[in-house]
Protein backbone atom coordinates (compact mmCIF):
# COMPACT_ATOMS: atom_id res chain seq x y z
CA MET A 1 70.30 125.73 125.71
CA PRO A 2 69.67 129.43 126.50
CA PRO A 3 72.69 131.67 127.21
CA LEU A 4 73.58 132.08 130.87
CA LYS A 5 74.60 135.48 132.21
CA TYR A 6 77.60 135.26 134.54
CA LEU A 7 78.12 137.95 137.19
CA ARG A 8 81.04 138.15 139.64
CA PRO A 9 80.68 140.92 142.23
CA LYS A 10 83.62 142.24 144.25
CA SER A 11 81.62 143.45 147.26
CA LEU A 12 78.49 142.52 149.22
CA GLU A 13 76.79 145.69 148.03
CA GLU A 14 77.45 144.80 144.40
CA ALA A 15 76.31 141.23 145.02
CA LEU A 16 72.99 142.34 146.49
CA GLU A 17 72.34 144.51 143.44
CA GLN A 18 73.16 141.68 141.04
CA LEU A 19 71.05 139.15 142.94
CA ALA A 20 68.01 141.06 141.73
CA GLU A 21 68.56 139.37 138.36
CA GLY A 22 70.39 136.15 139.21
CA VAL A 23 70.78 133.37 141.75
CA PRO A 24 73.82 132.85 144.01
CA LEU A 25 76.56 130.58 142.67
CA ALA A 26 78.72 129.00 145.36
CA GLY A 27 80.03 125.47 144.76
CA GLY A 28 77.60 124.90 141.90
CA THR A 29 76.72 121.33 142.89
CA THR A 30 73.01 122.05 143.33
CA LEU A 31 72.69 124.56 140.48
CA THR A 32 74.11 122.35 137.72
CA PRO A 33 70.96 120.17 137.42
CA ARG A 34 68.89 123.37 137.11
CA ARG A 35 71.08 124.96 134.42
CA ASN A 36 68.33 125.18 131.79
CA ALA A 37 66.02 127.05 134.16
CA LEU A 38 68.53 129.80 135.03
CA ASP A 39 68.93 133.20 133.38
CA ALA A 40 71.87 134.50 135.42
CA VAL A 41 74.20 133.40 138.21
CA VAL A 42 76.06 135.58 140.72
CA ASP A 43 79.44 134.05 141.60
CA LEU A 44 80.20 134.68 145.29
CA GLN A 45 83.81 133.50 145.39
CA ASP A 46 85.39 136.98 145.61
CA LEU A 47 83.39 138.07 148.68
CA GLY A 48 85.57 136.51 151.39
CA LEU A 49 82.84 134.27 152.75
CA ALA A 50 84.86 131.06 153.17
CA ASP A 51 86.37 131.64 156.63
CA LEU A 52 85.81 129.33 159.59
CA GLU A 53 86.81 130.75 162.96
CA GLU A 54 86.13 130.64 166.69
CA SER A 55 85.99 133.87 168.66
CA GLY A 56 84.22 135.11 171.76
CA GLY A 57 82.70 131.73 172.54
CA LYS A 58 81.13 131.39 169.10
CA VAL A 59 82.03 129.61 165.87
CA THR A 60 81.35 131.46 162.63
CA ALA A 61 81.37 129.60 159.32
CA GLY A 62 81.14 131.61 156.12
CA ALA A 63 78.50 130.70 153.58
CA MET A 64 81.23 129.62 151.13
CA CYS A 65 82.98 127.38 153.66
CA SER A 66 83.34 123.96 152.03
CA LEU A 67 82.12 120.78 153.66
CA GLN A 68 85.69 119.47 153.58
CA GLN A 69 86.80 122.48 155.63
CA LEU A 70 84.30 121.45 158.28
CA VAL A 71 85.52 117.85 158.21
CA GLU A 72 89.13 118.95 158.67
CA SER A 73 88.51 121.53 161.40
CA GLU A 74 88.81 119.27 164.42
CA GLY A 75 88.53 121.22 167.65
CA ILE A 76 86.30 123.90 166.11
CA VAL A 77 83.59 121.78 164.52
CA PRO A 78 81.73 119.25 166.73
CA ALA A 79 82.69 115.66 165.90
CA GLY A 80 79.10 114.70 165.10
CA LEU A 81 78.79 117.56 162.61
CA ALA A 82 82.05 116.57 160.91
CA GLU A 83 80.73 113.01 160.61
CA ALA A 84 77.49 114.27 159.06
CA CYS A 85 79.54 116.25 156.51
CA ARG A 86 81.38 113.06 155.56
CA ARG A 87 78.03 111.36 155.05
CA GLU A 88 76.64 114.26 153.01
CA ALA A 89 78.95 113.78 150.03
CA ALA A 90 82.08 112.04 148.78
CA TRP A 91 85.48 113.75 149.04
CA ASN A 92 85.42 115.39 145.60
CA LEU A 93 81.99 116.90 146.16
CA ARG A 94 82.83 117.95 149.73
CA ASN A 95 85.62 120.11 148.33
CA MET A 96 83.14 121.82 145.99
CA SER A 97 80.00 121.93 148.11
CA THR A 98 79.46 124.93 150.37
CA LEU A 99 77.76 125.09 153.74
CA ALA A 100 75.08 127.58 152.72
CA GLY A 101 74.45 125.95 149.36
CA CYS A 102 73.90 122.51 150.87
CA LEU A 103 71.70 123.75 153.70
CA LEU A 104 69.47 125.97 151.58
CA ALA A 105 69.01 123.20 148.98
CA CYS A 106 68.58 120.38 151.50
CA ASP A 107 65.76 117.91 151.76
CA GLY A 108 64.88 115.66 154.66
CA ARG A 109 67.59 113.15 153.77
CA SER A 110 70.48 115.56 154.33
CA PRO A 111 72.90 114.40 157.06
CA LEU A 112 74.39 117.90 157.20
CA ALA A 113 71.06 119.65 157.79
CA THR A 114 70.03 117.04 160.37
CA ALA A 115 73.19 117.56 162.44
CA MET A 116 73.27 121.34 161.98
CA LEU A 117 69.72 121.75 163.23
CA ALA A 118 70.73 119.90 166.39
CA ILE A 119 73.27 122.60 167.36
CA SER A 120 70.80 125.44 166.73
CA PRO A 121 72.92 127.72 164.53
CA ARG A 122 71.79 131.10 163.31
CA GLY A 123 72.03 132.09 159.69
CA ILE A 124 73.62 135.48 159.08
CA LEU A 125 72.04 137.56 156.32
CA ALA A 126 73.69 140.41 154.44
CA GLY A 127 72.74 143.48 156.42
CA GLY A 128 73.29 141.84 159.81
CA GLU A 129 69.99 140.09 160.51
CA THR A 130 70.35 136.64 162.07
CA VAL A 131 67.76 133.88 161.75
CA ASP A 132 67.56 130.50 163.46
CA LEU A 133 68.34 127.80 160.89
CA ASP A 134 65.03 126.08 161.62
CA ASP A 135 63.19 129.28 160.68
CA LEU A 136 65.47 129.95 157.71
CA LEU A 137 64.66 126.58 156.15
CA GLY A 138 60.98 127.34 156.63
CA ARG A 139 61.36 130.52 154.56
CA ARG A 140 62.57 128.71 151.45
CA PRO A 141 62.66 129.64 148.67
CA LEU A 142 64.28 132.81 149.94
CA PRO A 143 63.15 136.04 148.27
CA ARG A 144 65.30 137.13 145.34
CA GLY A 145 68.01 139.48 146.55
CA THR A 146 68.46 137.69 149.89
CA LEU A 147 72.02 136.62 150.64
CA VAL A 148 73.09 134.32 153.47
CA THR A 149 76.68 135.22 154.38
CA GLY A 150 77.33 132.60 157.06
CA PHE A 151 76.22 130.62 160.08
CA GLN A 152 77.10 130.95 163.74
CA TRP A 153 76.78 128.61 166.72
CA LYS A 154 78.12 128.45 170.26
CA ALA A 155 81.62 127.02 170.60
CA LYS A 156 80.49 124.72 173.42
CA ALA A 157 77.82 123.11 171.18
CA ALA A 158 78.01 119.34 170.81
CA VAL A 159 76.10 116.86 168.65
CA ARG A 160 75.95 113.10 168.16
CA TYR A 161 74.78 111.75 164.80
CA GLU A 162 73.84 108.32 163.45
CA GLN A 163 72.07 107.06 160.36
CA VAL A 164 70.81 103.92 158.68
CA ALA A 165 71.13 103.60 154.90
CA ARG A 166 70.96 100.84 152.31
CA ALA A 167 74.70 101.17 151.66
CA PRO A 168 77.50 103.06 153.45
CA ALA A 169 77.69 105.73 150.73
CA ASP A 170 73.92 106.04 150.30
CA ARG A 171 71.77 108.82 151.70
CA PRO A 172 70.02 107.88 154.94
CA ILE A 173 66.67 106.17 155.17
CA VAL A 174 66.60 107.28 158.80
CA ALA A 175 68.99 109.67 160.53
CA ALA A 176 69.02 111.10 164.03
CA ALA A 177 70.99 113.81 165.77
CA VAL A 178 70.99 114.71 169.45
CA GLY A 179 72.62 118.03 170.20
CA ARG A 180 73.39 120.30 173.11
CA PRO A 181 73.50 123.75 171.48
CA ASP A 182 74.93 125.60 174.47
CA GLY A 183 76.13 122.81 176.74
CA SER A 184 72.71 122.54 178.39
CA GLY A 185 69.32 121.71 176.98
CA PHE A 186 68.78 119.35 174.07
CA ARG A 187 67.87 119.34 170.40
CA VAL A 188 66.58 116.14 168.81
CA VAL A 189 66.32 116.06 165.02
CA LEU A 190 65.25 113.27 162.68
CA GLY A 191 66.26 112.98 159.03
CA GLY A 192 65.76 110.60 156.13
CA PHE A 193 62.29 111.68 155.04
CA GLY A 194 60.34 114.61 153.67
CA GLU A 195 61.29 118.09 152.54
CA ARG A 196 63.50 118.87 155.54
CA PRO A 197 64.75 117.25 158.75
CA LEU A 198 62.27 117.29 161.62
CA ARG A 199 62.83 118.62 165.12
CA VAL A 200 61.15 116.59 167.90
CA PRO A 201 60.44 118.87 170.91
CA ARG A 202 58.76 116.10 172.94
CA ALA A 203 61.92 114.00 172.71
CA GLU A 204 63.94 117.02 173.85
CA LYS A 205 61.78 117.39 176.95
CA ALA A 206 62.21 113.68 177.69
CA LEU A 207 66.00 113.96 177.47
CA ALA A 208 65.93 116.98 179.78
CA ALA A 209 64.20 114.67 182.28
CA GLU A 210 66.85 111.98 181.57
CA ASP A 211 64.22 109.63 180.15
CA ALA A 212 65.79 108.00 177.10
CA ARG A 213 62.91 105.56 176.68
CA ALA A 214 60.35 108.37 176.40
CA ALA A 215 62.64 110.22 173.99
CA GLY A 216 62.75 107.15 171.75
CA GLU A 217 58.97 106.81 171.89
CA ALA A 218 58.56 110.46 170.90
CA ALA A 219 60.91 109.98 167.96
CA ALA A 220 59.02 106.90 166.79
CA GLU A 221 55.73 108.76 167.02
CA ALA A 222 57.15 111.68 165.02
CA TYR A 223 57.92 109.31 162.13
CA ALA A 224 54.75 107.23 162.46
CA ALA A 225 53.53 108.37 159.02
CA ALA A 226 56.95 108.68 157.34
CA GLY A 227 56.51 106.09 154.64
CA ASP A 228 57.66 106.34 151.02
CA ALA A 229 59.28 104.26 148.27
CA TRP A 230 62.47 103.89 150.32
CA ALA A 231 60.97 102.53 153.53
CA SER A 232 57.67 101.92 155.27
CA ALA A 233 56.46 104.21 158.03
CA GLU A 234 56.61 101.31 160.49
CA TYR A 235 60.28 100.70 159.70
CA ARG A 236 61.24 104.37 159.94
CA ALA A 237 59.37 104.84 163.21
CA HIS A 238 61.07 101.81 164.77
CA VAL A 239 64.57 102.82 163.63
CA ALA A 240 64.06 106.46 164.67
CA GLY A 241 63.23 105.31 168.19
CA VAL A 242 66.24 103.00 168.33
CA LEU A 243 68.66 105.67 167.08
CA VAL A 244 67.45 108.34 169.50
CA ARG A 245 67.66 105.95 172.45
CA ARG A 246 71.17 104.97 171.38
CA LEU A 247 72.30 108.58 171.02
CA ALA A 248 70.67 109.48 174.32
CA ALA A 249 72.89 106.97 176.10
CA GLY A 250 75.72 109.52 176.00
CA ALA A 251 73.63 112.66 176.04
CA TRP A 252 74.35 113.47 179.68
CA ASP A 253 78.13 112.97 179.49
């Protein structure tokens, strides 16, 4: 096993310099399987990026905020997002796993990414630039030297989340989230398949027109080709439609 260079910056400026030669180390849960492919890691734990706070009508979660922090922050974190965090990992891993690490390493079967996309957060980059999470996931892998310092969403955001899996602790075969990022308008996101969760704009328009049936049909159509070793496309399409219709039942509350 090749030696691994360990770097531990004390400031964002120092971290950005060191990221030119290493990858960010947060909770470590997604880096451990890649250990043999790494030359250097940059430990972010001294940068003060683990805060979770509400101010000025917005919630800001630091990149190093653990999933368990989100679960335990009732009143700040939408209930559907907290539930998705519980589904993302068991208690031990939730205490290690960080928000940014899980999102940037997510695939389509991530409950966390599915629910987060439904509240339309913006990723905060070192230097002050903000990027919609949907766009940020599309930029992966991020260029070397890029550092996400946190995520921000509106305090009035709400999301409902459901999933179907082979076992309660398993990752979802199909997941759905219906969110209201700013108290009006809708976000519909499907998970359980592919490289990342999928937003369904046609279902969002149907919910805006208070047409739950059409929203379910749009969700089913979006997963019409979503077949793999875990489930057939027909099964996923059917379940996606059912979940979105079910979540839509309370979408106008």
